[in-house]
Amino acid sequence: MLNYIRSEIYRILHSRSLYIFGAVLCGIVLLTHIALIIGAALTPDFAYNTVRFSLNNFVAQPFIMVILGAAVAGVLFNEDRKSGVLKTTVAYGISRESILIGKCIVSLLTALLLLLVVFIFYVACAFLTLREPEWLPVQQMLLAIAASLPSAVASLIFANVIFMLCRKEITGMLWWVLLFYGIPMACFLIGLKSALFARIAEWMPYNFLRMDVVVSMNTYNSIWDTAGGMLHCIAAGVIGCVIFLIWGVLRLRRLEL
């Protein structure tokens, strides 16, 4: 498995997909700050060209981390099944379980690298281009990342599994959307009438990373403000990682390549 991991890391570092994806993320951040600068130049008393407003856009939407976790796996490995890479790798004697674990490790390392780069770029852009620099939004941003990271890893693992199982990328995407959007939304709506579904919905990232996060220009009221809330976020993500990894290993053993 170590040889497989090394070969995948080498392939990724020498391919364009990683750098294009990172450039797109940084480009979105840069364009957002340019828009704020233009808004301040064109509008008198423009109130949104501040560091707090910029960073709060992320703090208020930590579920973006869950989306990006799946996106990293998709960018790196979504064509392995269709292109025959998976079948060839198995033919060389590497077990499917080792391939899955290797993919998860490689995509996690890649995701953490991208997270570090984009975070530094995001904060640097805010502090260099906007007014009223302060560290409280940065602290809240770090807490949001810590709270959402376990769920993002679970999303990454599920994406790796589903892209190995599905021959078409769009099929894998639809399964991801169903699991991380459709089912949580359904559980939340049913939970308005059923206490059981309400409790189930509380453990789904789409719900607790959106419903339990209230951020404004003046206040922060988020699930990670308390130790119990942060533990809830971490536990939900860890449980998801374990479930998806076990399910993936069992399902891949029966997969016909």
C-alpha atoms as a PDB file:
ATOM      1  CA  MET A   1       0.000   0.000   0.000  1.00  0.00           C
ATOM      2  CA  LEU A   2       2.898   2.371   0.723  1.00  0.00           C
ATOM      3  CA  ASN A   3       4.157   1.997  -2.836  1.00  0.00           C
ATOM      4  CA  TYR A   4       0.665   2.759  -4.129  1.00  0.00           C
ATOM      5  CA  ILE A   5       0.456   5.877  -1.938  1.00  0.00           C
ATOM      6  CA  ARG A   6       3.874   7.058  -3.111  1.00  0.00           C
ATOM      7  CA  SER A   7       2.960   6.519  -6.762  1.00  0.00           C
ATOM      8  CA  GLU A   8      -0.317   8.420  -6.365  1.00  0.00           C
ATOM      9  CA  ILE A   9       1.382  11.317  -4.595  1.00  0.00           C
ATOM     10  CA  TYR A  10       3.954  11.471  -7.397  1.00  0.00           C
ATOM     11  CA  ARG A  11       1.203  11.370 -10.040  1.00  0.00           C
ATOM     12  CA  ILE A  12      -0.811  14.116  -8.368  1.00  0.00           C
ATOM     13  CA  LEU A  13       2.183  16.397  -7.848  1.00  0.00           C
ATOM     14  CA  HIS A  14       3.056  16.048 -11.534  1.00  0.00           C
ATOM     15  CA  SER A  15      -0.483  16.529 -12.851  1.00  0.00           C
ATOM     16  CA  ARG A  16      -2.316  19.780 -13.499  1.00  0.00           C
ATOM     17  CA  SER A  17      -5.549  18.951 -11.688  1.00  0.00           C
ATOM     18  CA  LEU A  18      -4.244  19.791  -8.205  1.00  0.00           C
ATOM     19  CA  TYR A  19      -2.810  23.141  -9.273  1.00  0.00           C
ATOM     20  CA  ILE A  20      -5.849  24.098 -11.347  1.00  0.00           C
ATOM     21  CA  PHE A  21      -8.180  23.300  -8.457  1.00  0.00           C
ATOM     22  CA  GLY A  22      -6.053  25.296  -6.020  1.00  0.00           C
ATOM     23  CA  ALA A  23      -5.867  28.201  -8.473  1.00  0.00           C
ATOM     24  CA  VAL A  24      -9.657  28.190  -8.874  1.00  0.00           C
ATOM     25  CA  LEU A  25     -10.168  28.354  -5.094  1.00  0.00           C
ATOM     26  CA  CYS A  26      -7.654  31.175  -4.697  1.00  0.00           C
ATOM     27  CA  GLY A  27      -9.166  32.913  -7.721  1.00  0.00           C
ATOM     28  CA  ILE A  28     -12.612  32.882  -6.123  1.00  0.00           C
ATOM     29  CA  VAL A  29     -11.149  34.381  -2.952  1.00  0.00           C
ATOM     30  CA  LEU A  30      -9.310  37.062  -4.938  1.00  0.00           C
ATOM     31  CA  LEU A  31     -12.359  37.992  -7.033  1.00  0.00           C
ATOM     32  CA  THR A  32     -14.461  38.285  -3.881  1.00  0.00           C
ATOM     33  CA  HIS A  33     -12.035  40.787  -2.393  1.00  0.00           C
ATOM     34  CA  ILE A  34     -11.757  42.711  -5.657  1.00  0.00           C
ATOM     35  CA  ALA A  35     -15.554  43.004  -5.666  1.00  0.00           C
ATOM     36  CA  LEU A  36     -15.465  44.419  -2.131  1.00  0.00           C
ATOM     37  CA  ILE A  37     -12.764  46.922  -3.117  1.00  0.00           C
ATOM     38  CA  ILE A  38     -14.792  48.039  -6.148  1.00  0.00           C
ATOM     39  CA  GLY A  39     -17.919  48.303  -4.019  1.00  0.00           C
ATOM     40  CA  ALA A  40     -16.104  50.548  -1.558  1.00  0.00           C
ATOM     41  CA  ALA A  41     -14.776  52.728  -4.384  1.00  0.00           C
ATOM     42  CA  LEU A  42     -18.180  53.182  -6.013  1.00  0.00           C
ATOM     43  CA  THR A  43     -20.438  53.421  -2.963  1.00  0.00           C
ATOM     44  CA  PRO A  44     -20.130  56.090  -0.263  1.00  0.00           C
ATOM     45  CA  ASP A  45     -20.180  54.706   3.278  1.00  0.00           C
ATOM     46  CA  PHE A  46     -19.799  51.131   1.976  1.00  0.00           C
ATOM     47  CA  ALA A  47     -19.938  48.987   5.120  1.00  0.00           C
ATOM     48  CA  TYR A  48     -18.792  45.635   3.783  1.00  0.00           C
ATOM     49  CA  ASN A  49     -15.144  46.181   2.843  1.00  0.00           C
ATOM     50  CA  THR A  50     -13.973  44.963   6.252  1.00  0.00           C
ATOM     51  CA  VAL A  51     -11.925  41.992   7.355  1.00  0.00           C
ATOM     52  CA  ARG A  52     -14.782  40.793   9.551  1.00  0.00           C
ATOM     53  CA  PHE A  53     -17.317  40.766   6.714  1.00  0.00           C
ATOM     54  CA  SER A  54     -14.945  38.900   4.406  1.00  0.00           C
ATOM     55  CA  LEU A  55     -13.980  36.170   6.863  1.00  0.00           C
ATOM     56  CA  ASN A  56     -17.520  35.879   8.213  1.00  0.00           C
ATOM     57  CA  ASN A  57     -18.642  34.719   4.771  1.00  0.00           C
ATOM     58  CA  PHE A  58     -16.777  31.496   5.488  1.00  0.00           C
ATOM     59  CA  VAL A  59     -17.567  31.299   9.212  1.00  0.00           C
ATOM     60  CA  ALA A  60     -21.295  31.477   8.442  1.00  0.00           C
ATOM     61  CA  GLN A  61     -21.079  28.627   5.902  1.00  0.00           C
ATOM     62  CA  PRO A  62     -18.731  25.942   7.262  1.00  0.00           C
ATOM     63  CA  PHE A  63     -20.593  23.284   5.248  1.00  0.00           C
ATOM     64  CA  ILE A  64     -18.454  24.473   2.338  1.00  0.00           C
ATOM     65  CA  MET A  65     -15.694  22.354   3.901  1.00  0.00           C
ATOM     66  CA  VAL A  66     -17.831  19.237   3.455  1.00  0.00           C
ATOM     67  CA  ILE A  67     -18.401  20.102  -0.195  1.00  0.00           C
ATOM     68  CA  LEU A  68     -14.704  20.719  -0.782  1.00  0.00           C
ATOM     69  CA  GLY A  69     -13.799  17.397   0.839  1.00  0.00           C
ATOM     70  CA  ALA A  70     -15.788  15.571  -1.819  1.00  0.00           C
ATOM     71  CA  ALA A  71     -14.493  17.910  -4.522  1.00  0.00           C
ATOM     72  CA  VAL A  72     -10.867  17.046  -3.741  1.00  0.00           C
ATOM     73  CA  ALA A  73     -11.577  13.317  -4.040  1.00  0.00           C
ATOM     74  CA  GLY A  74     -13.444  13.931  -7.286  1.00  0.00           C
ATOM     75  CA  VAL A  75     -10.712  16.056  -8.821  1.00  0.00           C
ATOM     76  CA  LEU A  76      -8.008  13.510  -7.971  1.00  0.00           C
ATOM     77  CA  PHE A  77      -9.669  10.150  -8.600  1.00  0.00           C
ATOM     78  CA  ASN A  78     -13.056  10.409 -10.325  1.00  0.00           C
ATOM     79  CA  GLU A  79     -11.875   8.847 -13.595  1.00  0.00           C
ATOM     80  CA  ASP A  80      -9.987   5.855 -12.176  1.00  0.00           C
ATOM     81  CA  ARG A  81     -12.898   3.446 -12.677  1.00  0.00           C
ATOM     82  CA  LYS A  82     -13.797   4.657 -16.162  1.00  0.00           C
ATOM     83  CA  SER A  83     -10.209   4.813 -17.409  1.00  0.00           C
ATOM     84  CA  GLY A  84      -9.357   1.314 -16.179  1.00  0.00           C
ATOM     85  CA  VAL A  85      -6.751   2.493 -13.659  1.00  0.00           C
ATOM     86  CA  LEU A  86      -8.576   0.745 -10.824  1.00  0.00           C
ATOM     87  CA  LYS A  87      -8.726  -2.561 -12.701  1.00  0.00           C
ATOM     88  CA  THR A  88      -5.039  -2.330 -13.624  1.00  0.00           C
ATOM     89  CA  THR A  89      -4.037  -1.558 -10.037  1.00  0.00           C
ATOM     90  CA  VAL A  90      -5.947  -4.595  -8.751  1.00  0.00           C
ATOM     91  CA  ALA A  91      -4.309  -6.730 -11.453  1.00  0.00           C
ATOM     92  CA  TYR A  92      -0.906  -5.755 -10.040  1.00  0.00           C
ATOM     93  CA  GLY A  93      -1.859  -7.433  -6.769  1.00  0.00           C
ATOM     94  CA  ILE A  94      -2.954  -4.477  -4.657  1.00  0.00           C
ATOM     95  CA  SER A  95      -6.112  -5.265  -2.714  1.00  0.00           C
ATOM     96  CA  ARG A  96      -9.199  -3.121  -3.137  1.00  0.00           C
ATOM     97  CA  GLU A  97      -9.157  -2.284   0.559  1.00  0.00           C
ATOM     98  CA  SER A  98      -5.575  -1.017   0.247  1.00  0.00           C
ATOM     99  CA  ILE A  99      -6.515   1.037  -2.800  1.00  0.00           C
ATOM    100  CA  LEU A 100      -9.418   2.664  -0.956  1.00  0.00           C
ATOM    101  CA  ILE A 101      -7.363   3.437   2.140  1.00  0.00           C
ATOM    102  CA  GLY A 102      -4.527   4.717  -0.048  1.00  0.00           C
ATOM    103  CA  LYS A 103      -6.883   7.001  -1.961  1.00  0.00           C
ATOM    104  CA  CYS A 104      -8.310   8.347   1.288  1.00  0.00           C
ATOM    105  CA  ILE A 105      -4.851   9.041   2.715  1.00  0.00           C
ATOM    106  CA  VAL A 106      -3.595  10.722  -0.456  1.00  0.00           C
ATOM    107  CA  SER A 107      -6.720  12.833  -0.929  1.00  0.00           C
ATOM    108  CA  LEU A 108      -6.703  13.810   2.767  1.00  0.00           C
ATOM    109  CA  LEU A 109      -3.071  14.947   2.591  1.00  0.00           C
ATOM    110  CA  THR A 110      -3.855  16.878  -0.581  1.00  0.00           C
ATOM    111  CA  ALA A 111      -6.933  18.458   0.991  1.00  0.00           C
ATOM    112  CA  LEU A 112      -4.982  19.558   4.068  1.00  0.00           C
ATOM    113  CA  LEU A 113      -2.296  21.112   1.865  1.00  0.00           C
ATOM    114  CA  LEU A 114      -4.917  22.994  -0.151  1.00  0.00           C
ATOM    115  CA  LEU A 115      -6.676  24.065   3.044  1.00  0.00           C
ATOM    116  CA  LEU A 116      -3.459  25.545   4.424  1.00  0.00           C
ATOM    117  CA  VAL A 117      -2.652  27.404   1.205  1.00  0.00           C
ATOM    118  CA  VAL A 118      -6.160  28.771   0.653  1.00  0.00           C
ATOM    119  CA  PHE A 119      -6.578  29.741   4.327  1.00  0.00           C
ATOM    120  CA  ILE A 120      -3.343  31.740   4.334  1.00  0.00           C
ATOM    121  CA  PHE A 121      -4.246  33.343   0.995  1.00  0.00           C
ATOM    122  CA  TYR A 122      -7.777  34.167   2.215  1.00  0.00           C
ATOM    123  CA  VAL A 123      -6.616  35.820   5.444  1.00  0.00           C
ATOM    124  CA  ALA A 124      -3.760  37.632   3.692  1.00  0.00           C
ATOM    125  CA  CYS A 125      -6.124  39.035   1.052  1.00  0.00           C
ATOM    126  CA  ALA A 126      -8.515  40.245   3.735  1.00  0.00           C
ATOM    127  CA  PHE A 127      -5.835  41.925   5.846  1.00  0.00           C
ATOM    128  CA  LEU A 128      -4.012  43.490   2.886  1.00  0.00           C
ATOM    129  CA  THR A 129      -7.007  44.820   0.955  1.00  0.00           C
ATOM    130  CA  LEU A 130      -9.771  45.557   3.473  1.00  0.00           C
ATOM    131  CA  ARG A 131     -10.159  47.915   6.417  1.00  0.00           C
ATOM    132  CA  GLU A 132     -10.594  47.291  10.139  1.00  0.00           C
ATOM    133  CA  PRO A 133      -8.193  44.341  10.557  1.00  0.00           C
ATOM    134  CA  GLU A 134      -8.876  42.244  13.648  1.00  0.00           C
ATOM    135  CA  TRP A 135      -8.089  38.742  14.869  1.00  0.00           C
ATOM    136  CA  LEU A 136     -11.480  37.651  16.248  1.00  0.00           C
ATOM    137  CA  PRO A 137     -12.816  36.643  12.790  1.00  0.00           C
ATOM    138  CA  VAL A 138      -9.616  34.660  12.186  1.00  0.00           C
ATOM    139  CA  GLN A 139     -10.135  32.837  15.480  1.00  0.00           C
ATOM    140  CA  GLN A 140     -13.748  32.088  14.544  1.00  0.00           C
ATOM    141  CA  MET A 141     -12.622  30.900  11.124  1.00  0.00           C
ATOM    142  CA  LEU A 142     -10.180  28.454  12.724  1.00  0.00           C
ATOM    143  CA  LEU A 143     -12.928  27.172  15.040  1.00  0.00           C
ATOM    144  CA  ALA A 144     -15.254  26.720  12.061  1.00  0.00           C
ATOM    145  CA  ILE A 145     -12.558  24.734  10.258  1.00  0.00           C
ATOM    146  CA  ALA A 146     -11.941  22.560  13.326  1.00  0.00           C
ATOM    147  CA  ALA A 147     -15.663  21.882  13.741  1.00  0.00           C
ATOM    148  CA  SER A 148     -16.293  21.028  10.096  1.00  0.00           C
ATOM    149  CA  LEU A 149     -13.055  19.166   9.303  1.00  0.00           C
ATOM    150  CA  PRO A 150     -14.167  15.723  10.617  1.00  0.00           C
ATOM    151  CA  SER A 151     -17.346  15.910   8.517  1.00  0.00           C
ATOM    152  CA  ALA A 152     -15.273  17.052   5.542  1.00  0.00           C
ATOM    153  CA  VAL A 153     -13.072  13.961   5.945  1.00  0.00           C
ATOM    154  CA  ALA A 154     -16.195  11.770   6.089  1.00  0.00           C
ATOM    155  CA  SER A 155     -17.388  13.428   2.878  1.00  0.00           C
ATOM    156  CA  LEU A 156     -13.995  12.799   1.292  1.00  0.00           C
ATOM    157  CA  ILE A 157     -14.079   9.104   2.238  1.00  0.00           C
ATOM    158  CA  PHE A 158     -17.610   8.660   0.904  1.00  0.00           C
ATOM    159  CA  ALA A 159     -16.666  10.411  -2.342  1.00  0.00           C
ATOM    160  CA  ASN A 160     -13.669   8.110  -2.808  1.00  0.00           C
ATOM    161  CA  VAL A 161     -15.865   5.058  -2.244  1.00  0.00           C
ATOM    162  CA  ILE A 162     -18.683   6.181  -4.507  1.00  0.00           C
ATOM    163  CA  PHE A 163     -16.351   7.161  -7.365  1.00  0.00           C
ATOM    164  CA  MET A 164     -14.759   3.711  -7.158  1.00  0.00           C
ATOM    165  CA  LEU A 165     -18.207   2.105  -7.331  1.00  0.00           C
ATOM    166  CA  CYS A 166     -19.766   4.235 -10.081  1.00  0.00           C
ATOM    167  CA  ARG A 167     -18.701   4.114 -13.708  1.00  0.00           C
ATOM    168  CA  LYS A 168     -20.060   7.608 -14.410  1.00  0.00           C
ATOM    169  CA  GLU A 169     -19.006  10.693 -12.478  1.00  0.00           C
ATOM    170  CA  ILE A 170     -22.500  12.175 -12.557  1.00  0.00           C
ATOM    171  CA  THR A 171     -23.884   9.076 -10.834  1.00  0.00           C
ATOM    172  CA  GLY A 172     -21.376   9.434  -8.010  1.00  0.00           C
ATOM    173  CA  MET A 173     -22.202  13.126  -7.659  1.00  0.00           C
ATOM    174  CA  LEU A 174     -25.922  12.396  -7.446  1.00  0.00           C
ATOM    175  CA  TRP A 175     -25.344   9.805  -4.706  1.00  0.00           C
ATOM    176  CA  TRP A 176     -23.264  12.335  -2.774  1.00  0.00           C
ATOM    177  CA  VAL A 177     -25.935  15.025  -3.132  1.00  0.00           C
ATOM    178  CA  LEU A 178     -28.599  12.569  -1.980  1.00  0.00           C
ATOM    179  CA  LEU A 179     -26.652  11.557   1.125  1.00  0.00           C
ATOM    180  CA  PHE A 180     -25.309  14.957   2.175  1.00  0.00           C
ATOM    181  CA  TYR A 181     -28.186  17.187   1.035  1.00  0.00           C
ATOM    182  CA  GLY A 182     -31.346  15.231   0.276  1.00  0.00           C
ATOM    183  CA  ILE A 183     -31.524  12.903   3.269  1.00  0.00           C
ATOM    184  CA  PRO A 184     -30.536  15.572   5.854  1.00  0.00           C
ATOM    185  CA  MET A 185     -33.140  17.983   4.466  1.00  0.00           C
ATOM    186  CA  ALA A 186     -35.795  15.267   4.542  1.00  0.00           C
ATOM    187  CA  CYS A 187     -34.894  14.286   8.108  1.00  0.00           C
ATOM    188  CA  PHE A 188     -35.029  17.932   9.194  1.00  0.00           C
ATOM    189  CA  LEU A 189     -38.470  18.476   7.671  1.00  0.00           C
ATOM    190  CA  ILE A 190     -39.855  15.223   9.075  1.00  0.00           C
ATOM    191  CA  GLY A 191     -38.197  16.120  12.372  1.00  0.00           C
ATOM    192  CA  LEU A 192     -40.520  19.106  12.665  1.00  0.00           C
ATOM    193  CA  LYS A 193     -43.243  16.529  13.356  1.00  0.00           C
ATOM    194  CA  SER A 194     -41.220  13.635  14.772  1.00  0.00           C
ATOM    195  CA  ALA A 195     -38.842  13.814  17.746  1.00  0.00           C
ATOM    196  CA  LEU A 196     -36.966  10.725  16.516  1.00  0.00           C
ATOM    197  CA  PHE A 197     -36.163  12.261  13.125  1.00  0.00           C
ATOM    198  CA  ALA A 198     -35.296  15.543  14.830  1.00  0.00           C
ATOM    199  CA  ARG A 199     -32.630  13.748  16.870  1.00  0.00           C
ATOM    200  CA  ILE A 200     -31.337  11.977  13.762  1.00  0.00           C
ATOM    201  CA  ALA A 201     -31.208  15.267  11.848  1.00  0.00           C
ATOM    202  CA  GLU A 202     -29.096  16.834  14.597  1.00  0.00           C
ATOM    203  CA  TRP A 203     -26.226  14.480  13.720  1.00  0.00           C
ATOM    204  CA  MET A 204     -26.131  15.315  10.018  1.00  0.00           C
ATOM    205  CA  PRO A 205     -23.514  17.915   8.973  1.00  0.00           C
ATOM    206  CA  TYR A 206     -25.842  19.706   6.574  1.00  0.00           C
ATOM    207  CA  ASN A 207     -28.114  20.499   9.500  1.00  0.00           C
ATOM    208  CA  PHE A 208     -25.818  21.268  12.427  1.00  0.00           C
ATOM    209  CA  LEU A 209     -23.306  23.210  10.301  1.00  0.00           C
ATOM    210  CA  ARG A 210     -26.101  25.384   8.915  1.00  0.00           C
ATOM    211  CA  MET A 211     -28.938  25.570  11.432  1.00  0.00           C
ATOM    212  CA  ASP A 212     -26.690  25.911  14.478  1.00  0.00           C
ATOM    213  CA  VAL A 213     -24.450  28.649  13.082  1.00  0.00           C
ATOM    214  CA  VAL A 214     -25.619  32.270  13.361  1.00  0.00           C
ATOM    215  CA  VAL A 215     -23.071  34.898  12.352  1.00  0.00           C
ATOM    216  CA  SER A 216     -23.536  38.634  11.888  1.00  0.00           C
ATOM    217  CA  MET A 217     -21.284  41.668  11.753  1.00  0.00           C
ATOM    218  CA  ASN A 218     -21.524  42.037  15.523  1.00  0.00           C
ATOM    219  CA  THR A 219     -22.163  38.589  17.003  1.00  0.00           C
ATOM    220  CA  TYR A 220     -21.112  34.953  16.760  1.00  0.00           C
ATOM    221  CA  ASN A 221     -23.483  32.256  17.986  1.00  0.00           C
ATOM    222  CA  SER A 222     -22.235  28.917  16.717  1.00  0.00           C
ATOM    223  CA  ILE A 223     -22.393  25.273  17.709  1.00  0.00           C
ATOM    224  CA  TRP A 224     -18.638  25.216  18.374  1.00  0.00           C
ATOM    225  CA  ASP A 225     -18.856  27.976  20.997  1.00  0.00           C
ATOM    226  CA  THR A 226     -19.251  25.339  23.717  1.00  0.00           C
ATOM    227  CA  ALA A 227     -17.158  22.250  24.398  1.00  0.00           C
ATOM    228  CA  GLY A 228     -20.251  20.075  24.030  1.00  0.00           C
ATOM    229  CA  GLY A 229     -21.079  21.591  20.658  1.00  0.00           C
ATOM    230  CA  MET A 230     -17.548  21.130  19.352  1.00  0.00           C
ATOM    231  CA  LEU A 231     -17.517  17.517  20.566  1.00  0.00           C
ATOM    232  CA  HIS A 232     -20.836  16.982  18.778  1.00  0.00           C
ATOM    233  CA  CYS A 233     -19.284  18.183  15.504  1.00  0.00           C
ATOM    234  CA  ILE A 234     -16.180  16.038  15.953  1.00  0.00           C
ATOM    235  CA  ALA A 235     -18.134  12.930  16.998  1.00  0.00           C
ATOM    236  CA  ALA A 236     -20.538  13.209  14.060  1.00  0.00           C
ATOM    237  CA  GLY A 237     -17.633  13.454  11.629  1.00  0.00           C
ATOM    238  CA  VAL A 238     -15.705  10.558  13.178  1.00  0.00           C
ATOM    239  CA  ILE A 239     -18.811   8.347  13.161  1.00  0.00           C
ATOM    240  CA  GLY A 240     -19.320   9.186   9.491  1.00  0.00           C
ATOM    241  CA  CYS A 241     -15.687   8.344   8.683  1.00  0.00           C
ATOM    242  CA  VAL A 242     -15.949   4.934  10.364  1.00  0.00           C
ATOM    243  CA  ILE A 243     -19.292   4.077   8.754  1.00  0.00           C
ATOM    244  CA  PHE A 244     -18.258   5.095   5.235  1.00  0.00           C
ATOM    245  CA  LEU A 245     -14.885   3.361   5.466  1.00  0.00           C
ATOM    246  CA  ILE A 246     -16.374   0.068   6.711  1.00  0.00           C
ATOM    247  CA  TRP A 247     -19.183   0.226   4.150  1.00  0.00           C
ATOM    248  CA  GLY A 248     -16.692   1.015   1.396  1.00  0.00           C
ATOM    249  CA  VAL A 249     -14.425  -1.912   2.253  1.00  0.00           C
ATOM    250  CA  LEU A 250     -17.343  -4.358   2.377  1.00  0.00           C
ATOM    251  CA  ARG A 251     -18.912  -3.046  -0.813  1.00  0.00           C
ATOM    252  CA  LEU A 252     -15.674  -3.008  -2.804  1.00  0.00           C
ATOM    253  CA  ARG A 253     -15.017  -6.661  -1.999  1.00  0.00           C
ATOM    254  CA  ARG A 254     -18.066  -7.525  -4.119  1.00  0.00           C
ATOM    255  CA  LEU A 255     -17.371  -5.046  -6.892  1.00  0.00           C
ATOM    256  CA  GLU A 256     -16.956  -6.427 -10.404  1.00  0.00           C
ATOM    257  CA  LEU A 257     -14.353  -4.407 -12.294  1.00  0.00           C
END
